[in-house]
Amino acid sequence: MSSDNLTIVQIPPDRFNDAIHHLKWSFFADEPLNHAVELCQKGESHYELERHCLLTLKQGYSRMLVTDDGTIAGVALNGILTEDERDEASRRLEEIDDERFKTIFGLLYKVNKKVDLFNKYNVQELFECRILSVDENFRGKGLANVLMSDSLEIARKAGFKVFKADATGMYSQKVCLKHGFHDEAEIPYTDLPENIRPEPHHQALKLMVKLLD
């Protein structure tokens, strides 16, 4: 699949580091909750976040938009979640010393606990888009929508029934709505302490779901 001389491909193991480098500059510091708690600076490494990304990349469902010379214009970090993995991740979070990281992922687990998607939709696995990121030099071209459309097709072809996203900001929420997602649960940012509250144009953390044919 191509768009404006860009091609979407699976992210192979020999480009995992390139994908994480992209995220350091285009996502880690800019994502609304990360930015609100000042998790890291643009281009800066962050051990726990990189570990989370690498584990997702190793699942083999992540995609990247690349130029003809291989430059990464955007990525969709997609993963598979089971109930056991969700519970194990929640337990591991308690052992992490990074309080800012714990704050962010604690909120993500909190919004996911509001609805048991496994029981509601009678599935053993969920396909989830964990990160949707576009390089600032390629923004304004609708590339996030291209990545989401591609990710939905990947999930369908793999036989998944439920596609979820923890949408933390207005931009990712607009992308999800455009592709037919609905809200399952949310945490309004006005409920958070001011020192960890994203900027006002981001209104809530939303658990969004699309059922696949």
N, C-alpha and C. Protein backbone atom coordinates (compact mmCIF):
# COMPACT_ATOMS: atom_id res chain seq x y z
N MET A 1 0.85 -1.20 0.00
CA MET A 1 0.00 0.00 0.00
C MET A 1 0.88 1.24 0.00
N SER A 2 0.58 2.20 -0.87
CA SER A 2 1.41 3.40 -0.99
C SER A 2 0.58 4.66 -0.84
N SER A 3 1.23 5.75 -0.44
CA SER A 3 0.59 7.06 -0.33
C SER A 3 1.65 8.13 -0.51
N ASP A 4 1.52 8.93 -1.61
CA ASP A 4 2.48 10.01 -1.87
C ASP A 4 3.93 9.51 -1.85
N ASN A 5 4.19 8.46 -2.59
CA ASN A 5 5.53 7.86 -2.65
C ASN A 5 5.98 7.27 -1.32
N LEU A 6 5.03 7.03 -0.45
CA LEU A 6 5.31 6.35 0.80
C LEU A 6 4.73 4.94 0.71
N THR A 7 5.41 4.01 1.34
CA THR A 7 4.95 2.63 1.32
C THR A 7 4.80 2.12 2.75
N ILE A 8 3.73 1.38 3.01
CA ILE A 8 3.53 0.77 4.32
C ILE A 8 4.07 -0.66 4.29
N VAL A 9 4.90 -0.95 5.27
CA VAL A 9 5.46 -2.30 5.39
C VAL A 9 5.48 -2.71 6.86
N GLN A 10 5.58 -4.01 7.08
CA GLN A 10 5.79 -4.51 8.44
C GLN A 10 7.15 -4.03 8.93
N ILE A 11 7.26 -3.74 10.21
CA ILE A 11 8.56 -3.31 10.76
C ILE A 11 9.38 -4.56 11.07
N PRO A 12 10.47 -4.80 10.30
CA PRO A 12 11.28 -6.00 10.51
C PRO A 12 12.24 -5.80 11.69
N PRO A 13 12.74 -6.90 12.26
CA PRO A 13 13.64 -6.80 13.41
C PRO A 13 14.84 -5.89 13.19
N ASP A 14 15.37 -5.86 11.97
CA ASP A 14 16.56 -5.04 11.75
C ASP A 14 16.24 -3.53 11.69
N ARG A 15 14.96 -3.20 11.83
CA ARG A 15 14.58 -1.78 11.87
C ARG A 15 13.86 -1.40 13.18
N PHE A 16 13.88 -2.31 14.15
CA PHE A 16 13.28 -1.99 15.45
C PHE A 16 13.92 -0.75 16.06
N ASN A 17 15.24 -0.67 16.02
CA ASN A 17 15.94 0.48 16.59
C ASN A 17 15.58 1.77 15.84
N ASP A 18 15.41 1.67 14.53
CA ASP A 18 15.03 2.85 13.74
C ASP A 18 13.63 3.33 14.13
N ALA A 19 12.73 2.37 14.36
CA ALA A 19 11.37 2.72 14.75
C ALA A 19 11.36 3.41 16.12
N ILE A 20 12.16 2.89 17.05
CA ILE A 20 12.24 3.50 18.37
C ILE A 20 12.89 4.88 18.29
N HIS A 21 13.88 5.02 17.43
CA HIS A 21 14.50 6.34 17.22
C HIS A 21 13.45 7.34 16.73
N HIS A 22 12.62 6.90 15.78
CA HIS A 22 11.53 7.75 15.29
C HIS A 22 10.63 8.18 16.45
N LEU A 23 10.27 7.22 17.30
CA LEU A 23 9.35 7.52 18.40
C LEU A 23 9.97 8.47 19.42
N LYS A 24 11.28 8.37 19.62
CA LYS A 24 11.96 9.30 20.55
C LYS A 24 11.78 10.74 20.10
N TRP A 25 11.76 10.95 18.79
CA TRP A 25 11.70 12.31 18.26
C TRP A 25 10.27 12.75 17.91
N SER A 26 9.37 11.80 17.72
CA SER A 26 8.04 12.16 17.22
C SER A 26 6.88 11.81 18.15
N PHE A 27 7.16 11.06 19.23
CA PHE A 27 6.05 10.61 20.06
C PHE A 27 6.32 10.71 21.56
N PHE A 28 7.46 10.21 22.01
CA PHE A 28 7.70 10.08 23.45
C PHE A 28 7.42 11.37 24.22
N ALA A 29 7.90 12.50 23.72
CA ALA A 29 7.74 13.77 24.45
C ALA A 29 6.44 14.48 24.10
N ASP A 30 5.84 14.13 22.95
CA ASP A 30 4.68 14.88 22.45
C ASP A 30 3.34 14.29 22.86
N GLU A 31 3.28 13.00 23.12
CA GLU A 31 2.02 12.37 23.48
C GLU A 31 1.44 13.11 24.70
N PRO A 32 0.12 13.40 24.70
CA PRO A 32 -0.46 14.29 25.70
C PRO A 32 -0.15 13.95 27.16
N LEU A 33 -0.29 12.69 27.56
CA LEU A 33 -0.01 12.34 28.95
C LEU A 33 1.49 12.40 29.25
N ASN A 34 2.31 11.90 28.30
CA ASN A 34 3.76 11.99 28.48
C ASN A 34 4.19 13.44 28.67
N HIS A 35 3.63 14.31 27.82
CA HIS A 35 3.97 15.73 27.88
C HIS A 35 3.51 16.35 29.20
N ALA A 36 2.32 15.97 29.65
CA ALA A 36 1.77 16.55 30.87
C ALA A 36 2.61 16.22 32.10
N VAL A 37 3.12 14.99 32.18
CA VAL A 37 3.93 14.60 33.35
C VAL A 37 5.41 14.85 33.13
N GLU A 38 5.77 15.37 31.93
CA GLU A 38 7.17 15.62 31.57
C GLU A 38 8.00 14.34 31.69
N LEU A 39 7.48 13.29 31.02
CA LEU A 39 8.13 11.99 31.09
C LEU A 39 9.56 12.03 30.55
N CYS A 40 9.76 12.73 29.43
CA CYS A 40 11.09 12.85 28.84
C CYS A 40 11.11 14.00 27.86
N GLN A 41 12.32 14.36 27.42
CA GLN A 41 12.48 15.42 26.44
C GLN A 41 12.56 14.82 25.03
N LYS A 42 12.27 15.62 24.03
CA LYS A 42 12.33 15.16 22.64
C LYS A 42 13.70 14.58 22.32
N GLY A 43 13.72 13.38 21.77
CA GLY A 43 14.97 12.72 21.41
C GLY A 43 15.63 11.96 22.54
N GLU A 44 15.06 12.07 23.73
CA GLU A 44 15.67 11.43 24.90
C GLU A 44 15.23 9.98 25.04
N SER A 45 16.11 9.15 25.53
CA SER A 45 15.76 7.75 25.77
C SER A 45 14.92 7.64 27.03
N HIS A 46 14.09 6.60 27.06
CA HIS A 46 13.32 6.30 28.27
C HIS A 46 13.19 4.79 28.36
N TYR A 47 13.85 4.21 29.36
CA TYR A 47 13.98 2.76 29.44
C TYR A 47 12.64 2.03 29.39
N GLU A 48 11.71 2.38 30.27
CA GLU A 48 10.46 1.65 30.35
C GLU A 48 9.62 1.80 29.08
N LEU A 49 9.59 2.99 28.53
CA LEU A 49 8.82 3.23 27.32
C LEU A 49 9.42 2.47 26.14
N GLU A 50 10.75 2.46 26.05
CA GLU A 50 11.41 1.73 24.97
C GLU A 50 11.21 0.22 25.13
N ARG A 51 11.23 -0.25 26.36
CA ARG A 51 10.98 -1.66 26.61
C ARG A 51 9.56 -2.04 26.16
N HIS A 52 8.60 -1.21 26.49
CA HIS A 52 7.22 -1.42 26.08
C HIS A 52 7.11 -1.48 24.56
N CYS A 53 7.79 -0.56 23.88
CA CYS A 53 7.77 -0.51 22.42
C CYS A 53 8.42 -1.75 21.81
N LEU A 54 9.55 -2.15 22.36
CA LEU A 54 10.27 -3.30 21.82
C LEU A 54 9.45 -4.58 21.96
N LEU A 55 8.81 -4.76 23.10
CA LEU A 55 7.96 -5.94 23.29
C LEU A 55 6.82 -5.96 22.27
N THR A 56 6.27 -4.79 21.99
CA THR A 56 5.21 -4.70 20.99
C THR A 56 5.74 -4.99 19.59
N LEU A 57 6.88 -4.42 19.25
CA LEU A 57 7.48 -4.66 17.94
C LEU A 57 7.73 -6.15 17.71
N LYS A 58 8.15 -6.85 18.74
CA LYS A 58 8.47 -8.28 18.61
C LYS A 58 7.24 -9.13 18.33
N GLN A 59 6.04 -8.59 18.57
CA GLN A 59 4.83 -9.36 18.29
C GLN A 59 4.54 -9.44 16.79
N GLY A 60 5.15 -8.55 16.00
CA GLY A 60 5.11 -8.70 14.55
C GLY A 60 3.96 -8.06 13.81
N TYR A 61 3.16 -7.24 14.49
CA TYR A 61 2.02 -6.63 13.82
C TYR A 61 2.19 -5.13 13.57
N SER A 62 3.34 -4.59 13.94
CA SER A 62 3.56 -3.15 13.79
C SER A 62 3.92 -2.80 12.35
N ARG A 63 3.57 -1.57 11.96
CA ARG A 63 3.72 -1.14 10.58
C ARG A 63 4.42 0.20 10.52
N MET A 64 5.08 0.46 9.39
CA MET A 64 5.72 1.77 9.21
C MET A 64 5.50 2.27 7.79
N LEU A 65 5.39 3.58 7.69
CA LEU A 65 5.33 4.26 6.41
C LEU A 65 6.73 4.74 6.10
N VAL A 66 7.28 4.33 4.96
CA VAL A 66 8.64 4.70 4.61
C VAL A 66 8.71 5.36 3.23
N THR A 67 9.69 6.25 3.08
CA THR A 67 9.94 6.87 1.79
C THR A 67 10.76 5.92 0.93
N ASP A 68 11.02 6.32 -0.30
CA ASP A 68 11.80 5.47 -1.20
C ASP A 68 13.20 5.17 -0.66
N ASP A 69 13.76 6.12 0.13
CA ASP A 69 15.11 5.87 0.66
C ASP A 69 15.08 5.23 2.05
N GLY A 70 13.88 4.83 2.50
CA GLY A 70 13.79 4.12 3.77
C GLY A 70 13.53 4.99 4.99
N THR A 71 13.42 6.31 4.79
CA THR A 71 13.12 7.20 5.91
C THR A 71 11.74 6.88 6.47
N ILE A 72 11.64 6.79 7.79
CA ILE A 72 10.36 6.48 8.43
C ILE A 72 9.54 7.75 8.59
N ALA A 73 8.37 7.76 7.94
CA ALA A 73 7.47 8.91 8.04
C ALA A 73 6.45 8.74 9.16
N GLY A 74 6.15 7.50 9.51
CA GLY A 74 5.19 7.24 10.58
C GLY A 74 5.16 5.78 10.94
N VAL A 75 4.67 5.50 12.13
CA VAL A 75 4.57 4.11 12.57
C VAL A 75 3.26 3.88 13.30
N ALA A 76 2.79 2.64 13.23
CA ALA A 76 1.68 2.18 14.05
C ALA A 76 2.21 0.99 14.83
N LEU A 77 2.35 1.16 16.13
CA LEU A 77 2.78 0.05 16.98
C LEU A 77 1.54 -0.72 17.41
N ASN A 78 1.40 -1.90 16.84
CA ASN A 78 0.23 -2.74 17.10
C ASN A 78 0.63 -3.98 17.86
N GLY A 79 -0.22 -4.38 18.80
CA GLY A 79 0.07 -5.57 19.57
C GLY A 79 -1.17 -6.37 19.87
N ILE A 80 -0.95 -7.53 20.44
CA ILE A 80 -2.03 -8.43 20.83
C ILE A 80 -2.07 -8.49 22.36
N LEU A 81 -3.25 -8.39 22.90
CA LEU A 81 -3.41 -8.42 24.35
C LEU A 81 -4.32 -9.58 24.76
N THR A 82 -3.85 -10.38 25.73
CA THR A 82 -4.67 -11.41 26.36
C THR A 82 -4.92 -11.01 27.81
N GLU A 83 -5.85 -11.68 28.45
CA GLU A 83 -6.15 -11.36 29.85
C GLU A 83 -4.93 -11.60 30.73
N ASP A 84 -4.21 -12.69 30.50
CA ASP A 84 -3.03 -13.00 31.31
C ASP A 84 -1.96 -11.93 31.15
N GLU A 85 -1.75 -11.48 29.91
CA GLU A 85 -0.74 -10.45 29.66
C GLU A 85 -1.15 -9.13 30.30
N ARG A 86 -2.42 -8.82 30.26
CA ARG A 86 -2.92 -7.59 30.90
C ARG A 86 -2.65 -7.62 32.40
N ASP A 87 -2.95 -8.76 33.02
CA ASP A 87 -2.77 -8.89 34.47
C ASP A 87 -1.29 -8.87 34.85
N GLU A 88 -0.45 -9.51 34.03
CA GLU A 88 0.99 -9.53 34.29
C GLU A 88 1.58 -8.13 34.16
N ALA A 89 1.15 -7.39 33.15
CA ALA A 89 1.64 -6.03 32.97
C ALA A 89 1.23 -5.15 34.14
N SER A 90 0.02 -5.36 34.65
CA SER A 90 -0.45 -4.60 35.80
C SER A 90 0.39 -4.91 37.04
N ARG A 91 0.74 -6.18 37.21
CA ARG A 91 1.59 -6.56 38.37
C ARG A 91 2.98 -5.95 38.23
N ARG A 92 3.52 -6.00 37.02
CA ARG A 92 4.87 -5.47 36.82
C ARG A 92 4.92 -3.96 37.07
N LEU A 93 3.83 -3.29 36.75
CA LEU A 93 3.79 -1.84 36.94
C LEU A 93 4.04 -1.47 38.40
N GLU A 94 3.57 -2.31 39.32
CA GLU A 94 3.75 -2.03 40.74
C GLU A 94 5.22 -2.06 41.14
N GLU A 95 6.04 -2.77 40.37
CA GLU A 95 7.46 -2.92 40.71
C GLU A 95 8.34 -1.85 40.10
N ILE A 96 7.78 -1.01 39.24
CA ILE A 96 8.56 0.01 38.54
C ILE A 96 8.77 1.23 39.43
N ASP A 97 9.99 1.76 39.41
CA ASP A 97 10.33 2.90 40.26
C ASP A 97 10.00 4.25 39.61
N ASP A 98 9.84 4.26 38.29
CA ASP A 98 9.60 5.52 37.58
C ASP A 98 8.16 5.98 37.83
N GLU A 99 8.00 6.95 38.73
CA GLU A 99 6.66 7.37 39.15
C GLU A 99 5.87 8.02 38.01
N ARG A 100 6.54 8.73 37.12
CA ARG A 100 5.83 9.38 36.02
C ARG A 100 5.29 8.33 35.04
N PHE A 101 6.10 7.33 34.75
CA PHE A 101 5.66 6.24 33.89
C PHE A 101 4.50 5.50 34.54
N LYS A 102 4.61 5.25 35.85
CA LYS A 102 3.55 4.56 36.58
C LYS A 102 2.25 5.36 36.54
N THR A 103 2.36 6.67 36.61
CA THR A 103 1.16 7.51 36.56
C THR A 103 0.43 7.33 35.24
N ILE A 104 1.18 7.37 34.14
CA ILE A 104 0.58 7.24 32.81
C ILE A 104 -0.04 5.87 32.61
N PHE A 105 0.73 4.83 32.87
CA PHE A 105 0.21 3.49 32.62
C PHE A 105 -0.84 3.09 33.65
N GLY A 106 -0.78 3.69 34.83
CA GLY A 106 -1.83 3.48 35.81
C GLY A 106 -3.16 4.00 35.30
N LEU A 107 -3.14 5.15 34.62
CA LEU A 107 -4.35 5.70 34.02
C LEU A 107 -4.86 4.82 32.88
N LEU A 108 -3.94 4.29 32.09
CA LEU A 108 -4.34 3.41 30.99
C LEU A 108 -5.01 2.15 31.52
N TYR A 109 -4.45 1.57 32.59
CA TYR A 109 -5.07 0.38 33.18
C TYR A 109 -6.42 0.72 33.80
N LYS A 110 -6.50 1.91 34.40
CA LYS A 110 -7.75 2.32 35.05
C LYS A 110 -8.89 2.44 34.05
N VAL A 111 -8.62 3.05 32.90
CA VAL A 111 -9.70 3.19 31.91
C VAL A 111 -10.06 1.84 31.30
N ASN A 112 -9.08 0.94 31.19
CA ASN A 112 -9.36 -0.40 30.65
C ASN A 112 -10.14 -1.27 31.63
N LYS A 113 -9.98 -1.01 32.93
CA LYS A 113 -10.71 -1.78 33.93
C LYS A 113 -12.19 -1.42 33.98
N LYS A 114 -12.55 -0.28 33.39
CA LYS A 114 -13.94 0.14 33.41
C LYS A 114 -14.84 -0.80 32.60
N VAL A 115 -14.26 -1.43 31.57
CA VAL A 115 -15.03 -2.36 30.74
C VAL A 115 -14.17 -3.59 30.48
N ASP A 116 -14.69 -4.77 30.80
CA ASP A 116 -13.98 -6.01 30.50
C ASP A 116 -14.30 -6.41 29.07
N LEU A 117 -13.46 -5.98 28.14
CA LEU A 117 -13.72 -6.23 26.73
C LEU A 117 -13.70 -7.72 26.39
N PHE A 118 -12.87 -8.48 27.11
CA PHE A 118 -12.78 -9.91 26.83
C PHE A 118 -14.13 -10.59 27.07
N ASN A 119 -14.76 -10.28 28.19
CA ASN A 119 -16.05 -10.87 28.50
C ASN A 119 -17.17 -10.25 27.67
N LYS A 120 -17.13 -8.94 27.50
CA LYS A 120 -18.20 -8.27 26.77
C LYS A 120 -18.34 -8.78 25.35
N TYR A 121 -17.20 -9.03 24.71
CA TYR A 121 -17.23 -9.47 23.31
C TYR A 121 -16.86 -10.94 23.13
N ASN A 122 -16.70 -11.63 24.26
CA ASN A 122 -16.45 -13.08 24.23
C ASN A 122 -15.25 -13.44 23.35
N VAL A 123 -14.11 -12.80 23.63
CA VAL A 123 -12.89 -13.07 22.88
C VAL A 123 -11.75 -13.37 23.85
N GLN A 124 -10.74 -14.08 23.35
CA GLN A 124 -9.56 -14.42 24.15
C GLN A 124 -8.43 -13.42 23.94
N GLU A 125 -8.47 -12.73 22.79
CA GLU A 125 -7.41 -11.78 22.44
C GLU A 125 -8.01 -10.50 21.88
N LEU A 126 -7.31 -9.41 22.12
CA LEU A 126 -7.67 -8.13 21.54
C LEU A 126 -6.52 -7.64 20.68
N PHE A 127 -6.83 -7.07 19.54
CA PHE A 127 -5.82 -6.40 18.72
C PHE A 127 -5.85 -4.94 19.12
N GLU A 128 -4.68 -4.37 19.42
CA GLU A 128 -4.69 -2.97 19.84
C GLU A 128 -3.59 -2.16 19.16
N CYS A 129 -3.98 -0.95 18.78
CA CYS A 129 -3.01 0.02 18.30
C CYS A 129 -2.51 0.77 19.53
N ARG A 130 -1.26 0.53 19.89
CA ARG A 130 -0.72 1.10 21.12
C ARG A 130 -0.10 2.48 20.89
N ILE A 131 0.47 2.68 19.73
CA ILE A 131 1.05 3.98 19.41
C ILE A 131 0.81 4.27 17.93
N LEU A 132 0.36 5.47 17.65
CA LEU A 132 0.20 5.95 16.28
C LEU A 132 1.00 7.25 16.20
N SER A 133 2.05 7.25 15.37
CA SER A 133 2.98 8.38 15.36
C SER A 133 3.37 8.76 13.94
N VAL A 134 3.39 10.07 13.68
CA VAL A 134 3.83 10.58 12.38
C VAL A 134 4.93 11.61 12.60
N ASP A 135 6.02 11.48 11.85
CA ASP A 135 7.12 12.43 11.92
C ASP A 135 6.60 13.84 11.63
N GLU A 136 7.08 14.82 12.39
CA GLU A 136 6.56 16.19 12.23
C GLU A 136 6.78 16.74 10.83
N ASN A 137 7.77 16.22 10.11
CA ASN A 137 8.01 16.68 8.74
C ASN A 137 6.99 16.13 7.74
N PHE A 138 6.18 15.17 8.19
CA PHE A 138 5.20 14.53 7.29
C PHE A 138 3.77 14.74 7.77
N ARG A 139 3.58 15.59 8.77
CA ARG A 139 2.24 15.78 9.31
C ARG A 139 1.38 16.65 8.39
N GLY A 140 0.07 16.56 8.58
CA GLY A 140 -0.86 17.33 7.77
C GLY A 140 -1.21 16.68 6.45
N LYS A 141 -0.79 15.42 6.26
CA LYS A 141 -1.05 14.71 5.00
C LYS A 141 -2.02 13.55 5.18
N GLY A 142 -2.58 13.42 6.38
CA GLY A 142 -3.51 12.32 6.63
C GLY A 142 -2.85 10.97 6.82
N LEU A 143 -1.57 10.97 7.17
CA LEU A 143 -0.84 9.70 7.26
C LEU A 143 -1.28 8.85 8.45
N ALA A 144 -1.74 9.48 9.53
CA ALA A 144 -2.25 8.70 10.66
C ALA A 144 -3.46 7.89 10.23
N ASN A 145 -4.29 8.47 9.39
CA ASN A 145 -5.45 7.74 8.87
C ASN A 145 -5.03 6.58 7.96
N VAL A 146 -3.98 6.79 7.18
CA VAL A 146 -3.47 5.73 6.32
C VAL A 146 -2.95 4.57 7.18
N LEU A 147 -2.22 4.89 8.23
CA LEU A 147 -1.68 3.86 9.13
C LEU A 147 -2.80 3.11 9.84
N MET A 148 -3.83 3.84 10.27
CA MET A 148 -4.94 3.18 10.96
C MET A 148 -5.71 2.27 10.02
N SER A 149 -5.97 2.73 8.81
CA SER A 149 -6.67 1.91 7.83
C SER A 149 -5.91 0.61 7.56
N ASP A 150 -4.60 0.75 7.40
CA ASP A 150 -3.75 -0.42 7.17
C ASP A 150 -3.78 -1.37 8.37
N SER A 151 -3.71 -0.82 9.56
CA SER A 151 -3.69 -1.64 10.77
C SER A 151 -5.00 -2.41 10.93
N LEU A 152 -6.11 -1.76 10.60
CA LEU A 152 -7.40 -2.44 10.66
C LEU A 152 -7.44 -3.62 9.69
N GLU A 153 -6.87 -3.42 8.52
CA GLU A 153 -6.85 -4.50 7.53
C GLU A 153 -5.96 -5.66 8.00
N ILE A 154 -4.84 -5.33 8.61
CA ILE A 154 -3.96 -6.36 9.16
C ILE A 154 -4.70 -7.18 10.22
N ALA A 155 -5.43 -6.49 11.08
CA ALA A 155 -6.18 -7.17 12.14
C ALA A 155 -7.26 -8.08 11.56
N ARG A 156 -7.97 -7.58 10.55
CA ARG A 156 -9.01 -8.39 9.91
C ARG A 156 -8.43 -9.66 9.28
N LYS A 157 -7.34 -9.48 8.54
CA LYS A 157 -6.73 -10.62 7.86
C LYS A 157 -6.21 -11.66 8.85
N ALA A 158 -5.82 -11.20 10.04
CA ALA A 158 -5.32 -12.12 11.06
C ALA A 158 -6.45 -12.78 11.85
N GLY A 159 -7.68 -12.36 11.56
CA GLY A 159 -8.83 -13.03 12.17
C GLY A 159 -9.29 -12.45 13.50
N PHE A 160 -8.84 -11.26 13.85
CA PHE A 160 -9.26 -10.67 15.12
C PHE A 160 -10.65 -10.06 14.99
N LYS A 161 -11.40 -10.08 16.09
CA LYS A 161 -12.77 -9.57 16.10
C LYS A 161 -12.89 -8.20 16.73
N VAL A 162 -11.98 -7.89 17.64
CA VAL A 162 -12.07 -6.63 18.39
C VAL A 162 -10.75 -5.87 18.27
N PHE A 163 -10.83 -4.62 17.83
CA PHE A 163 -9.67 -3.74 17.69
C PHE A 163 -9.87 -2.60 18.69
N LYS A 164 -8.88 -2.38 19.55
CA LYS A 164 -9.01 -1.34 20.56
C LYS A 164 -7.86 -0.35 20.50
N ALA A 165 -8.10 0.82 21.03
CA ALA A 165 -7.06 1.84 21.15
C ALA A 165 -7.31 2.64 22.41
N ASP A 166 -6.23 2.93 23.15
CA ASP A 166 -6.30 3.85 24.27
C ASP A 166 -5.92 5.21 23.71
N ALA A 167 -6.93 5.99 23.36
CA ALA A 167 -6.70 7.26 22.68
C ALA A 167 -6.57 8.38 23.71
N THR A 168 -5.39 8.95 23.81
CA THR A 168 -5.12 9.91 24.88
C THR A 168 -5.34 11.36 24.47
N GLY A 169 -5.43 11.63 23.18
CA GLY A 169 -5.54 13.02 22.73
C GLY A 169 -6.56 13.20 21.63
N MET A 170 -6.86 14.45 21.34
CA MET A 170 -7.90 14.76 20.36
C MET A 170 -7.55 14.26 18.96
N TYR A 171 -6.27 14.24 18.62
CA TYR A 171 -5.89 13.84 17.26
C TYR A 171 -6.10 12.34 17.04
N SER A 172 -5.64 11.52 17.99
CA SER A 172 -5.84 10.08 17.85
C SER A 172 -7.31 9.73 17.95
N GLN A 173 -8.06 10.47 18.76
CA GLN A 173 -9.50 10.22 18.87
C GLN A 173 -10.23 10.54 17.57
N LYS A 174 -9.81 11.61 16.90
CA LYS A 174 -10.41 11.95 15.60
C LYS A 174 -10.14 10.85 14.57
N VAL A 175 -8.91 10.32 14.60
CA VAL A 175 -8.57 9.23 13.68
C VAL A 175 -9.46 8.02 13.94
N CYS A 176 -9.60 7.66 15.21
CA CYS A 176 -10.43 6.50 15.56
C CYS A 176 -11.88 6.71 15.15
N LEU A 177 -12.42 7.89 15.42
CA LEU A 177 -13.81 8.17 15.05
C LEU A 177 -14.00 8.08 13.54
N LYS A 178 -13.04 8.56 12.79
CA LYS A 178 -13.14 8.52 11.33
C LYS A 178 -13.22 7.09 10.82
N HIS A 179 -12.64 6.16 11.57
CA HIS A 179 -12.61 4.76 11.14
C HIS A 179 -13.67 3.92 11.84
N GLY A 180 -14.63 4.58 12.46
CA GLY A 180 -15.78 3.84 12.99
C GLY A 180 -15.65 3.29 14.39
N PHE A 181 -14.68 3.77 15.15
CA PHE A 181 -14.56 3.34 16.54
C PHE A 181 -15.66 4.01 17.38
N HIS A 182 -15.98 3.39 18.50
CA HIS A 182 -16.89 4.00 19.46
C HIS A 182 -16.22 4.02 20.84
N ASP A 183 -16.69 4.90 21.69
CA ASP A 183 -16.15 5.00 23.04
C ASP A 183 -16.72 3.89 23.93
N GLU A 184 -15.82 3.21 24.64
CA GLU A 184 -16.25 2.22 25.63
C GLU A 184 -16.15 2.78 27.05
N ALA A 185 -15.16 3.64 27.28
CA ALA A 185 -14.96 4.22 28.62
C ALA A 185 -14.05 5.42 28.47
N GLU A 186 -14.07 6.30 29.48
CA GLU A 186 -13.18 7.44 29.43
C GLU A 186 -12.86 7.94 30.84
N ILE A 187 -11.76 8.68 30.93
CA ILE A 187 -11.39 9.40 32.14
C ILE A 187 -11.23 10.87 31.73
N PRO A 188 -12.16 11.73 32.13
CA PRO A 188 -12.01 13.16 31.79
C PRO A 188 -10.75 13.74 32.43
N TYR A 189 -10.03 14.54 31.67
CA TYR A 189 -8.80 15.11 32.21
C TYR A 189 -9.07 16.12 33.31
N THR A 190 -10.30 16.65 33.37
CA THR A 190 -10.63 17.55 34.47
C THR A 190 -10.66 16.81 35.81
N ASP A 191 -10.71 15.46 35.75
CA ASP A 191 -10.67 14.66 36.98
C ASP A 191 -9.25 14.48 37.52
N LEU A 192 -8.25 14.83 36.72
CA LEU A 192 -6.86 14.63 37.12
C LEU A 192 -6.32 15.86 37.85
N PRO A 193 -5.33 15.66 38.72
CA PRO A 193 -4.66 16.80 39.33
C PRO A 193 -4.05 17.71 38.25
N GLU A 194 -4.03 18.99 38.52
CA GLU A 194 -3.57 19.95 37.50
C GLU A 194 -2.14 19.68 37.03
N ASN A 195 -1.31 19.14 37.92
CA ASN A 195 0.10 18.95 37.55
C ASN A 195 0.32 17.79 36.58
N ILE A 196 -0.70 16.97 36.33
CA ILE A 196 -0.56 15.89 35.35
C ILE A 196 -1.67 15.95 34.31
N ARG A 197 -2.30 17.11 34.17
CA ARG A 197 -3.43 17.26 33.26
C ARG A 197 -2.94 17.75 31.90
N PRO A 198 -3.27 17.02 30.81
CA PRO A 198 -2.90 17.47 29.47
C PRO A 198 -3.51 18.83 29.13
N GLU A 199 -2.99 19.44 28.08
CA GLU A 199 -3.46 20.75 27.65
C GLU A 199 -4.96 20.70 27.32
N PRO A 200 -5.66 21.84 27.51
CA PRO A 200 -7.13 21.86 27.47
C PRO A 200 -7.79 21.30 26.20
N HIS A 201 -7.11 21.40 25.03
CA HIS A 201 -7.76 20.87 23.82
C HIS A 201 -7.82 19.35 23.82
N HIS A 202 -7.08 18.70 24.73
CA HIS A 202 -7.22 17.27 24.96
C HIS A 202 -8.15 17.11 26.16
N GLN A 203 -9.30 16.48 25.98
CA GLN A 203 -10.32 16.50 27.01
C GLN A 203 -10.44 15.24 27.85
N ALA A 204 -10.01 14.10 27.30
CA ALA A 204 -10.20 12.85 28.06
C ALA A 204 -9.32 11.75 27.49
N LEU A 205 -9.02 10.79 28.35
CA LEU A 205 -8.42 9.53 27.93
C LEU A 205 -9.57 8.60 27.60
N LYS A 206 -9.58 8.06 26.38
CA LYS A 206 -10.70 7.24 25.95
C LYS A 206 -10.27 5.83 25.54
N LEU A 207 -11.02 4.87 26.00
CA LEU A 207 -10.90 3.49 25.52
C LEU A 207 -11.86 3.38 24.34
N MET A 208 -11.30 3.19 23.14
CA MET A 208 -12.12 3.18 21.93
C MET A 208 -12.01 1.82 21.24
N VAL A 209 -13.12 1.37 20.68
CA VAL A 209 -13.20 0.02 20.13
C VAL A 209 -13.89 0.02 18.77
N LYS A 210 -13.40 -0.83 17.89
CA LYS A 210 -14.08 -1.11 16.63
C LYS A 210 -14.21 -2.62 16.49
N LEU A 211 -15.40 -3.08 16.19
CA LEU A 211 -15.62 -4.50 15.95
C LEU A 211 -15.36 -4.78 14.48
N LEU A 212 -14.60 -5.84 14.23
CA LEU A 212 -14.19 -6.17 12.86
C LEU A 212 -15.11 -7.23 12.28
N ASP A 213 -15.33 -7.12 10.99
CA ASP A 213 -16.20 -8.08 10.29
C ASP A 213 -15.55 -9.44 10.21
